[in-house]
Amino acid sequence: MDLHMPREAWGSKLLVWVHGGAWRSGSKDDPPLKGLSDSGYTVASVDYRLSPAAEFPAQVHDIKAAIRFLRAISPRYGYRTEKIAIAGASAGGHLAALVGVSNRHPELEGTIGEHPEQSSAVQAVVDFYGPTNLNTILAQSTPHGLGVRVPALQLLLGGQPVEKTELARLASPVEHVGEGDPPLLMIHGDQDPQVPVNQSLELQGRYEALELPVLMHVVHGGGHGGEEFYNAAMLDRVRRFLDRLLDPPAHGRSDGE
């Protein structure tokens, strides 16, 4: 885990970043949202066990353990933890969304880590072009997308979704949306060749059906990542979304500081 901290870290807002890489590659190095440290955020970039060495749900267990750890060590660094945001891209967006909507699911909590007394709940989610329904993504995919997703899902689930339907359901954020889930911002290109934009639209629909707060920003002509997802205007959009949710009450210091 790497911490990218603002100059004045005491009382900073905490954002957990989850990297992408088709669940089988990638690392915590150089998170694209680390620039938010200039706006009063501590950005914690986390690693997680990768497939095929670790099949699902090891990945989400690791991220939840990291959140519990971050809460436990917060007095040492001074960032606030009564409200935590999580964000990720691609496979990381999938995992970030899953963490956000699975607070009621003990099978996704896991038992690793040293701080079971701490909560792994988050209070805001930003999902950059992540899969949300592993049982529908292949039917929605382009031939190029199938070339990426079929082997990636094989390694993550230990089989294809048609063979591992229940595990794929467990791994799908759309299956866990419920009352009280945190506000969600999704950012997705409408020309994404790897993760169809319909994946984000599915999750948006589940949120809207329960009248949960959700924002969907479609990058017109956008593919699977690229500069247009992380330029100054987009980072400002993310910052404004998070500030509204994570800023402490104006009347004074919030609990946990």
C-alpha atoms as a PDB file:
ATOM      1  CA  MET A   1       0.000   0.000   0.000  1.00  0.00           C
ATOM      2  CA  ASP A   2       1.218   3.491  -0.890  1.00  0.00           C
ATOM      3  CA  LEU A   3      -0.060   6.686   0.728  1.00  0.00           C
ATOM      4  CA  HIS A   4      -0.038   9.892  -1.320  1.00  0.00           C
ATOM      5  CA  MET A   5      -0.652  12.584   1.271  1.00  0.00           C
ATOM      6  CA  PRO A   6      -1.338  16.310   1.138  1.00  0.00           C
ATOM      7  CA  ARG A   7       1.109  18.754   2.660  1.00  0.00           C
ATOM      8  CA  GLU A   8      -1.262  19.179   5.598  1.00  0.00           C
ATOM      9  CA  ALA A   9      -2.391  15.606   6.192  1.00  0.00           C
ATOM     10  CA  TRP A  10      -4.246  16.107   9.464  1.00  0.00           C
ATOM     11  CA  GLY A  11      -7.967  16.012   8.810  1.00  0.00           C
ATOM     12  CA  SER A  12      -7.539  15.057   5.144  1.00  0.00           C
ATOM     13  CA  LYS A  13     -10.161  13.005   3.324  1.00  0.00           C
ATOM     14  CA  LEU A  14      -9.285   9.395   2.489  1.00  0.00           C
ATOM     15  CA  LEU A  15      -9.639   7.901  -0.990  1.00  0.00           C
ATOM     16  CA  VAL A  16      -8.711   4.267  -1.625  1.00  0.00           C
ATOM     17  CA  TRP A  17      -7.543   3.561  -5.187  1.00  0.00           C
ATOM     18  CA  VAL A  18      -7.845   0.061  -6.733  1.00  0.00           C
ATOM     19  CA  HIS A  19      -5.804  -0.610  -9.869  1.00  0.00           C
ATOM     20  CA  GLY A  20      -7.000  -2.429 -12.967  1.00  0.00           C
ATOM     21  CA  GLY A  21      -5.366  -5.132 -15.067  1.00  0.00           C
ATOM     22  CA  ALA A  22      -8.039  -7.765 -15.806  1.00  0.00           C
ATOM     23  CA  TRP A  23      -7.620  -9.057 -12.220  1.00  0.00           C
ATOM     24  CA  ARG A  24      -4.352 -10.694 -13.278  1.00  0.00           C
ATOM     25  CA  SER A  25      -1.866  -7.814 -13.587  1.00  0.00           C
ATOM     26  CA  GLY A  26      -1.289  -4.227 -12.500  1.00  0.00           C
ATOM     27  CA  SER A  27       0.011  -2.685  -9.299  1.00  0.00           C
ATOM     28  CA  LYS A  28      -0.482   0.115  -6.808  1.00  0.00           C
ATOM     29  CA  ASP A  29       2.250   2.188  -8.489  1.00  0.00           C
ATOM     30  CA  ASP A  30       1.367   5.608  -9.928  1.00  0.00           C
ATOM     31  CA  PRO A  31      -2.396   5.817  -9.275  1.00  0.00           C
ATOM     32  CA  PRO A  32      -4.053   8.251 -11.713  1.00  0.00           C
ATOM     33  CA  LEU A  33      -5.978  10.048  -8.952  1.00  0.00           C
ATOM     34  CA  LYS A  34      -2.912  10.790  -6.818  1.00  0.00           C
ATOM     35  CA  GLY A  35      -3.210  14.434  -7.892  1.00  0.00           C
ATOM     36  CA  LEU A  36      -6.161  14.726  -5.522  1.00  0.00           C
ATOM     37  CA  SER A  37      -3.586  14.950  -2.746  1.00  0.00           C
ATOM     38  CA  ASP A  38      -3.244  18.591  -3.857  1.00  0.00           C
ATOM     39  CA  SER A  39      -6.920  19.049  -2.953  1.00  0.00           C
ATOM     40  CA  GLY A  40      -6.785  17.737   0.590  1.00  0.00           C
ATOM     41  CA  TYR A  41      -7.015  14.001  -0.024  1.00  0.00           C
ATOM     42  CA  THR A  42      -4.878  11.175   1.254  1.00  0.00           C
ATOM     43  CA  VAL A  43      -4.878   8.697  -1.640  1.00  0.00           C
ATOM     44  CA  ALA A  44      -4.188   5.128  -0.521  1.00  0.00           C
ATOM     45  CA  SER A  45      -3.258   2.948  -3.495  1.00  0.00           C
ATOM     46  CA  VAL A  46      -3.670  -0.726  -2.637  1.00  0.00           C
ATOM     47  CA  ASP A  47      -2.550  -4.006  -4.129  1.00  0.00           C
ATOM     48  CA  TYR A  48      -4.504  -7.247  -4.042  1.00  0.00           C
ATOM     49  CA  ARG A  49      -3.857 -10.883  -4.877  1.00  0.00           C
ATOM     50  CA  LEU A  50      -4.003 -11.506  -8.612  1.00  0.00           C
ATOM     51  CA  SER A  51      -5.383 -14.380 -10.643  1.00  0.00           C
ATOM     52  CA  PRO A  52      -4.623 -17.131 -11.437  1.00  0.00           C
ATOM     53  CA  ALA A  53      -2.686 -17.516  -8.179  1.00  0.00           C
ATOM     54  CA  ALA A  54      -5.788 -16.347  -6.297  1.00  0.00           C
ATOM     55  CA  GLU A  55      -9.346 -16.864  -7.502  1.00  0.00           C
ATOM     56  CA  PHE A  56     -12.287 -14.707  -6.475  1.00  0.00           C
ATOM     57  CA  PRO A  57     -13.186 -13.591  -3.783  1.00  0.00           C
ATOM     58  CA  ALA A  58      -9.552 -13.206  -2.625  1.00  0.00           C
ATOM     59  CA  GLN A  59      -9.300  -9.835  -4.381  1.00  0.00           C
ATOM     60  CA  VAL A  60     -12.213  -8.214  -2.572  1.00  0.00           C
ATOM     61  CA  HIS A  61     -11.110  -9.758   0.734  1.00  0.00           C
ATOM     62  CA  ASP A  62      -7.733  -8.045   0.347  1.00  0.00           C
ATOM     63  CA  ILE A  63      -9.253  -4.649  -0.392  1.00  0.00           C
ATOM     64  CA  LYS A  64     -11.626  -4.848   2.553  1.00  0.00           C
ATOM     65  CA  ALA A  65      -8.707  -5.849   4.784  1.00  0.00           C
ATOM     66  CA  ALA A  66      -6.806  -2.804   3.516  1.00  0.00           C
ATOM     67  CA  ILE A  67      -9.725  -0.529   4.422  1.00  0.00           C
ATOM     68  CA  ARG A  68      -9.884  -1.973   7.936  1.00  0.00           C
ATOM     69  CA  PHE A  69      -6.123  -1.475   8.250  1.00  0.00           C
ATOM     70  CA  LEU A  70      -6.384   2.125   7.058  1.00  0.00           C
ATOM     71  CA  ARG A  71      -8.973   2.835   9.718  1.00  0.00           C
ATOM     72  CA  ALA A  72      -6.815   1.222  12.401  1.00  0.00           C
ATOM     73  CA  ILE A  73      -3.707   3.271  11.582  1.00  0.00           C
ATOM     74  CA  SER A  74      -5.458   6.587  10.974  1.00  0.00           C
ATOM     75  CA  PRO A  75      -4.342   8.159  14.284  1.00  0.00           C
ATOM     76  CA  ARG A  76      -0.748   7.810  13.101  1.00  0.00           C
ATOM     77  CA  TYR A  77      -1.333   9.788   9.895  1.00  0.00           C
ATOM     78  CA  GLY A  78      -4.232  12.067  10.722  1.00  0.00           C
ATOM     79  CA  TYR A  79      -6.604  11.412   7.816  1.00  0.00           C
ATOM     80  CA  ARG A  80     -10.297  11.051   8.617  1.00  0.00           C
ATOM     81  CA  THR A  81     -11.997   7.676   8.406  1.00  0.00           C
ATOM     82  CA  GLU A  82     -15.600   8.281   9.438  1.00  0.00           C
ATOM     83  CA  LYS A  83     -16.216   8.662   5.704  1.00  0.00           C
ATOM     84  CA  ILE A  84     -14.016   6.859   3.164  1.00  0.00           C
ATOM     85  CA  ALA A  85     -14.239   6.880  -0.626  1.00  0.00           C
ATOM     86  CA  ILE A  86     -13.086   4.121  -2.951  1.00  0.00           C
ATOM     87  CA  ALA A  87     -12.310   4.365  -6.659  1.00  0.00           C
ATOM     88  CA  GLY A  88     -10.865   2.125  -9.321  1.00  0.00           C
ATOM     89  CA  ALA A  89     -10.579   1.547 -13.049  1.00  0.00           C
ATOM     90  CA  SER A  90     -11.540  -1.465 -15.165  1.00  0.00           C
ATOM     91  CA  ALA A  91     -11.062  -4.538 -12.938  1.00  0.00           C
ATOM     92  CA  GLY A  92     -10.332  -2.066 -10.149  1.00  0.00           C
ATOM     93  CA  GLY A  93     -13.599  -0.268 -10.861  1.00  0.00           C
ATOM     94  CA  HIS A  94     -15.396  -3.594 -10.590  1.00  0.00           C
ATOM     95  CA  LEU A  95     -13.753  -4.306  -7.236  1.00  0.00           C
ATOM     96  CA  ALA A  96     -14.373  -0.780  -5.945  1.00  0.00           C
ATOM     97  CA  ALA A  97     -18.072  -1.022  -6.807  1.00  0.00           C
ATOM     98  CA  LEU A  98     -18.274  -4.472  -5.243  1.00  0.00           C
ATOM     99  CA  VAL A  99     -16.735  -3.210  -2.005  1.00  0.00           C
ATOM    100  CA  GLY A 100     -19.263  -0.388  -2.021  1.00  0.00           C
ATOM    101  CA  VAL A 101     -22.367  -2.560  -2.281  1.00  0.00           C
ATOM    102  CA  SER A 102     -21.336  -5.649  -0.305  1.00  0.00           C
ATOM    103  CA  ASN A 103     -21.219  -4.363   3.259  1.00  0.00           C
ATOM    104  CA  ARG A 104     -24.039  -6.757   4.189  1.00  0.00           C
ATOM    105  CA  HIS A 105     -22.368  -9.856   2.726  1.00  0.00           C
ATOM    106  CA  PRO A 106     -20.129 -11.843   5.133  1.00  0.00           C
ATOM    107  CA  GLU A 107     -18.861 -14.112   2.346  1.00  0.00           C
ATOM    108  CA  LEU A 108     -17.234 -11.095   0.717  1.00  0.00           C
ATOM    109  CA  GLU A 109     -15.808  -9.685   3.952  1.00  0.00           C
ATOM    110  CA  GLY A 110     -13.083 -12.282   4.442  1.00  0.00           C
ATOM    111  CA  THR A 111     -11.072 -13.016   7.572  1.00  0.00           C
ATOM    112  CA  ILE A 112      -7.592 -11.879   6.590  1.00  0.00           C
ATOM    113  CA  GLY A 113      -5.924  -8.943   8.286  1.00  0.00           C
ATOM    114  CA  GLU A 114      -5.325  -7.956  11.877  1.00  0.00           C
ATOM    115  CA  HIS A 115      -8.191  -5.550  12.568  1.00  0.00           C
ATOM    116  CA  PRO A 116     -11.531  -7.378  12.427  1.00  0.00           C
ATOM    117  CA  GLU A 117     -12.953  -4.813  14.841  1.00  0.00           C
ATOM    118  CA  GLN A 118     -12.729  -2.138  12.148  1.00  0.00           C
ATOM    119  CA  SER A 119     -15.363  -1.544   9.479  1.00  0.00           C
ATOM    120  CA  SER A 120     -14.662  -2.059   5.772  1.00  0.00           C
ATOM    121  CA  ALA A 121     -17.648   0.086   4.765  1.00  0.00           C
ATOM    122  CA  VAL A 122     -17.131   2.987   2.365  1.00  0.00           C
ATOM    123  CA  GLN A 123     -19.268   6.062   1.935  1.00  0.00           C
ATOM    124  CA  ALA A 124     -18.646   6.953  -1.729  1.00  0.00           C
ATOM    125  CA  VAL A 125     -17.676   5.006  -4.863  1.00  0.00           C
ATOM    126  CA  VAL A 126     -16.131   6.099  -8.164  1.00  0.00           C
ATOM    127  CA  ASP A 127     -16.127   3.394 -10.834  1.00  0.00           C
ATOM    128  CA  PHE A 128     -14.155   4.046 -14.018  1.00  0.00           C
ATOM    129  CA  TYR A 129     -15.396   1.637 -16.729  1.00  0.00           C
ATOM    130  CA  GLY A 130     -15.576  -1.465 -14.536  1.00  0.00           C
ATOM    131  CA  PRO A 131     -17.556  -4.666 -15.161  1.00  0.00           C
ATOM    132  CA  THR A 132     -20.674  -4.877 -13.009  1.00  0.00           C
ATOM    133  CA  ASN A 133     -22.401  -8.087 -14.129  1.00  0.00           C
ATOM    134  CA  LEU A 134     -20.147 -11.030 -14.908  1.00  0.00           C
ATOM    135  CA  ASN A 135     -23.097 -13.080 -16.142  1.00  0.00           C
ATOM    136  CA  THR A 136     -23.971 -10.622 -18.931  1.00  0.00           C
ATOM    137  CA  ILE A 137     -20.662  -9.063 -19.948  1.00  0.00           C
ATOM    138  CA  LEU A 138     -19.712 -11.693 -22.521  1.00  0.00           C
ATOM    139  CA  ALA A 139     -23.052 -11.442 -24.326  1.00  0.00           C
ATOM    140  CA  GLN A 140     -22.559  -7.670 -24.546  1.00  0.00           C
ATOM    141  CA  SER A 141     -18.928  -7.825 -25.695  1.00  0.00           C
ATOM    142  CA  THR A 142     -17.351  -7.152 -29.076  1.00  0.00           C
ATOM    143  CA  PRO A 143     -15.057  -9.809 -30.584  1.00  0.00           C
ATOM    144  CA  HIS A 144     -12.112  -7.798 -29.257  1.00  0.00           C
ATOM    145  CA  GLY A 145     -13.709  -7.681 -25.835  1.00  0.00           C
ATOM    146  CA  LEU A 146     -14.268 -11.423 -25.832  1.00  0.00           C
ATOM    147  CA  GLY A 147     -10.582 -11.909 -26.532  1.00  0.00           C
ATOM    148  CA  VAL A 148      -9.799 -10.075 -23.298  1.00  0.00           C
ATOM    149  CA  ARG A 149     -12.697 -11.054 -21.033  1.00  0.00           C
ATOM    150  CA  VAL A 150     -12.958 -14.789 -21.720  1.00  0.00           C
ATOM    151  CA  PRO A 151      -9.440 -15.596 -20.460  1.00  0.00           C
ATOM    152  CA  ALA A 152      -9.679 -12.991 -17.689  1.00  0.00           C
ATOM    153  CA  LEU A 153     -12.900 -14.487 -16.317  1.00  0.00           C
ATOM    154  CA  GLN A 154     -11.514 -18.005 -16.664  1.00  0.00           C
ATOM    155  CA  LEU A 155      -8.608 -17.078 -14.402  1.00  0.00           C
ATOM    156  CA  LEU A 156     -10.676 -15.055 -11.939  1.00  0.00           C
ATOM    157  CA  LEU A 157     -13.508 -17.550 -11.459  1.00  0.00           C
ATOM    158  CA  GLY A 158     -11.745 -20.806 -12.261  1.00  0.00           C
ATOM    159  CA  GLY A 159     -14.137 -21.289 -15.175  1.00  0.00           C
ATOM    160  CA  GLN A 160     -16.513 -19.376 -17.408  1.00  0.00           C
ATOM    161  CA  PRO A 161     -19.596 -17.648 -15.963  1.00  0.00           C
ATOM    162  CA  VAL A 162     -21.880 -20.177 -17.647  1.00  0.00           C
ATOM    163  CA  GLU A 163     -20.096 -22.863 -15.593  1.00  0.00           C
ATOM    164  CA  LYS A 164     -19.608 -20.764 -12.443  1.00  0.00           C
ATOM    165  CA  THR A 165     -22.940 -18.962 -12.411  1.00  0.00           C
ATOM    166  CA  GLU A 166     -23.243 -18.608  -8.633  1.00  0.00           C
ATOM    167  CA  LEU A 167     -19.657 -17.427  -8.220  1.00  0.00           C
ATOM    168  CA  ALA A 168     -20.140 -14.963 -11.073  1.00  0.00           C
ATOM    169  CA  ARG A 169     -23.272 -13.706  -9.340  1.00  0.00           C
ATOM    170  CA  LEU A 170     -21.352 -13.311  -6.077  1.00  0.00           C
ATOM    171  CA  ALA A 171     -18.720 -11.307  -7.967  1.00  0.00           C
ATOM    172  CA  SER A 172     -21.246  -8.998  -9.669  1.00  0.00           C
ATOM    173  CA  PRO A 173     -21.978  -5.620  -8.049  1.00  0.00           C
ATOM    174  CA  VAL A 174     -25.452  -5.511  -9.635  1.00  0.00           C
ATOM    175  CA  GLU A 175     -26.456  -8.506  -7.511  1.00  0.00           C
ATOM    176  CA  HIS A 176     -25.734  -6.814  -4.184  1.00  0.00           C
ATOM    177  CA  VAL A 177     -27.262  -3.351  -4.492  1.00  0.00           C
ATOM    178  CA  GLY A 178     -29.445  -2.579  -1.499  1.00  0.00           C
ATOM    179  CA  GLU A 179     -30.886   0.191   0.621  1.00  0.00           C
ATOM    180  CA  GLY A 180     -28.269   2.419   2.190  1.00  0.00           C
ATOM    181  CA  ASP A 181     -25.537   1.722  -0.349  1.00  0.00           C
ATOM    182  CA  PRO A 182     -23.101   4.614  -0.867  1.00  0.00           C
ATOM    183  CA  PRO A 183     -23.434   7.264  -3.574  1.00  0.00           C
ATOM    184  CA  LEU A 184     -21.898   6.132  -6.856  1.00  0.00           C
ATOM    185  CA  LEU A 185     -20.234   7.973  -9.728  1.00  0.00           C
ATOM    186  CA  MET A 186     -19.571   5.948 -12.883  1.00  0.00           C
ATOM    187  CA  ILE A 187     -17.428   7.145 -15.783  1.00  0.00           C
ATOM    188  CA  HIS A 188     -17.489   5.057 -18.957  1.00  0.00           C
ATOM    189  CA  GLY A 189     -16.680   5.477 -22.640  1.00  0.00           C
ATOM    190  CA  ASP A 190     -19.471   4.665 -25.072  1.00  0.00           C
ATOM    191  CA  GLN A 191     -16.950   3.065 -27.457  1.00  0.00           C
ATOM    192  CA  ASP A 192     -15.234   0.897 -24.847  1.00  0.00           C
ATOM    193  CA  PRO A 193     -14.080  -2.261 -26.691  1.00  0.00           C
ATOM    194  CA  GLN A 194     -13.301  -4.236 -23.533  1.00  0.00           C
ATOM    195  CA  VAL A 195     -16.025  -3.424 -20.997  1.00  0.00           C
ATOM    196  CA  PRO A 196     -19.288  -2.435 -22.727  1.00  0.00           C
ATOM    197  CA  VAL A 197     -20.898   0.748 -21.429  1.00  0.00           C
ATOM    198  CA  ASN A 198     -24.028  -1.347 -20.830  1.00  0.00           C
ATOM    199  CA  GLN A 199     -22.226  -2.743 -17.791  1.00  0.00           C
ATOM    200  CA  SER A 200     -22.334   0.656 -16.106  1.00  0.00           C
ATOM    201  CA  LEU A 201     -25.877   1.241 -17.319  1.00  0.00           C
ATOM    202  CA  GLU A 202     -26.951  -1.988 -15.606  1.00  0.00           C
ATOM    203  CA  LEU A 203     -25.572  -0.828 -12.269  1.00  0.00           C
ATOM    204  CA  GLN A 204     -27.068   2.616 -12.765  1.00  0.00           C
ATOM    205  CA  GLY A 205     -30.443   0.956 -13.294  1.00  0.00           C
ATOM    206  CA  ARG A 206     -30.178  -1.036 -10.067  1.00  0.00           C
ATOM    207  CA  TYR A 207     -29.332   2.119  -8.133  1.00  0.00           C
ATOM    208  CA  GLU A 208     -32.165   4.090  -9.689  1.00  0.00           C
ATOM    209  CA  ALA A 209     -34.668   1.314  -8.991  1.00  0.00           C
ATOM    210  CA  LEU A 210     -33.942   1.742  -5.275  1.00  0.00           C
ATOM    211  CA  GLU A 211     -33.726   5.538  -5.556  1.00  0.00           C
ATOM    212  CA  LEU A 212     -30.081   5.486  -4.476  1.00  0.00           C
ATOM    213  CA  PRO A 213     -27.796   8.401  -5.426  1.00  0.00           C
ATOM    214  CA  VAL A 214     -25.990   7.648  -8.694  1.00  0.00           C
ATOM    215  CA  LEU A 215     -24.316   9.740 -11.383  1.00  0.00           C
ATOM    216  CA  MET A 216     -23.376   8.353 -14.786  1.00  0.00           C
ATOM    217  CA  HIS A 217     -20.935  10.272 -16.982  1.00  0.00           C
ATOM    218  CA  VAL A 218     -20.541   8.899 -20.500  1.00  0.00           C
ATOM    219  CA  VAL A 219     -17.354   9.869 -22.329  1.00  0.00           C
ATOM    220  CA  HIS A 220     -18.604  10.137 -25.906  1.00  0.00           C
ATOM    221  CA  GLY A 221     -16.192   8.399 -28.246  1.00  0.00           C
ATOM    222  CA  GLY A 222     -14.192   7.174 -25.257  1.00  0.00           C
ATOM    223  CA  GLY A 223     -12.565   3.768 -25.258  1.00  0.00           C
ATOM    224  CA  HIS A 224     -11.154   1.724 -22.397  1.00  0.00           C
ATOM    225  CA  GLY A 225      -9.202   4.367 -20.495  1.00  0.00           C
ATOM    226  CA  GLY A 226      -7.037   7.124 -21.882  1.00  0.00           C
ATOM    227  CA  GLU A 227      -6.206  10.748 -21.168  1.00  0.00           C
ATOM    228  CA  GLU A 228      -9.814  11.908 -21.441  1.00  0.00           C
ATOM    229  CA  PHE A 229     -10.652   9.923 -18.306  1.00  0.00           C
ATOM    230  CA  TYR A 230      -7.980  11.516 -16.128  1.00  0.00           C
ATOM    231  CA  ASN A 231      -7.511  15.049 -17.440  1.00  0.00           C
ATOM    232  CA  ALA A 232      -7.945  18.121 -15.236  1.00  0.00           C
ATOM    233  CA  ALA A 233     -11.644  18.500 -16.033  1.00  0.00           C
ATOM    234  CA  MET A 234     -12.402  14.880 -15.146  1.00  0.00           C
ATOM    235  CA  LEU A 235     -10.386  15.015 -11.934  1.00  0.00           C
ATOM    236  CA  ASP A 236     -12.308  18.136 -10.989  1.00  0.00           C
ATOM    237  CA  ARG A 237     -15.576  16.285 -11.625  1.00  0.00           C
ATOM    238  CA  VAL A 238     -14.439  13.474  -9.330  1.00  0.00           C
ATOM    239  CA  ARG A 239     -13.215  15.915  -6.678  1.00  0.00           C
ATOM    240  CA  ARG A 240     -16.506  17.812  -6.610  1.00  0.00           C
ATOM    241  CA  PHE A 241     -18.457  14.566  -6.264  1.00  0.00           C
ATOM    242  CA  LEU A 242     -16.269  13.427  -3.372  1.00  0.00           C
ATOM    243  CA  ASP A 243     -16.060  16.801  -1.634  1.00  0.00           C
ATOM    244  CA  ARG A 244     -19.827  16.961  -1.389  1.00  0.00           C
ATOM    245  CA  LEU A 245     -19.913  13.570   0.333  1.00  0.00           C
ATOM    246  CA  LEU A 246     -16.762  13.577   2.449  1.00  0.00           C
ATOM    247  CA  ASP A 247     -16.303  17.145   3.646  1.00  0.00           C
ATOM    248  CA  PRO A 248     -16.902  17.478   7.400  1.00  0.00           C
ATOM    249  CA  PRO A 249     -19.830  19.513   8.695  1.00  0.00           C
ATOM    250  CA  ALA A 250     -19.181  23.233   8.486  1.00  0.00           C
ATOM    251  CA  HIS A 251     -19.900  23.771  12.185  1.00  0.00           C
ATOM    252  CA  GLY A 252     -16.757  22.030  13.419  1.00  0.00           C
ATOM    253  CA  ARG A 253     -14.543  18.973  13.508  1.00  0.00           C
ATOM    254  CA  SER A 254     -16.266  15.701  12.767  1.00  0.00           C
ATOM    255  CA  ASP A 255     -16.175  12.564  14.860  1.00  0.00           C
ATOM    256  CA  GLY A 256     -13.040  10.519  14.441  1.00  0.00           C
ATOM    257  CA  GLU A 257     -10.683  13.466  13.964  1.00  0.00           C
END
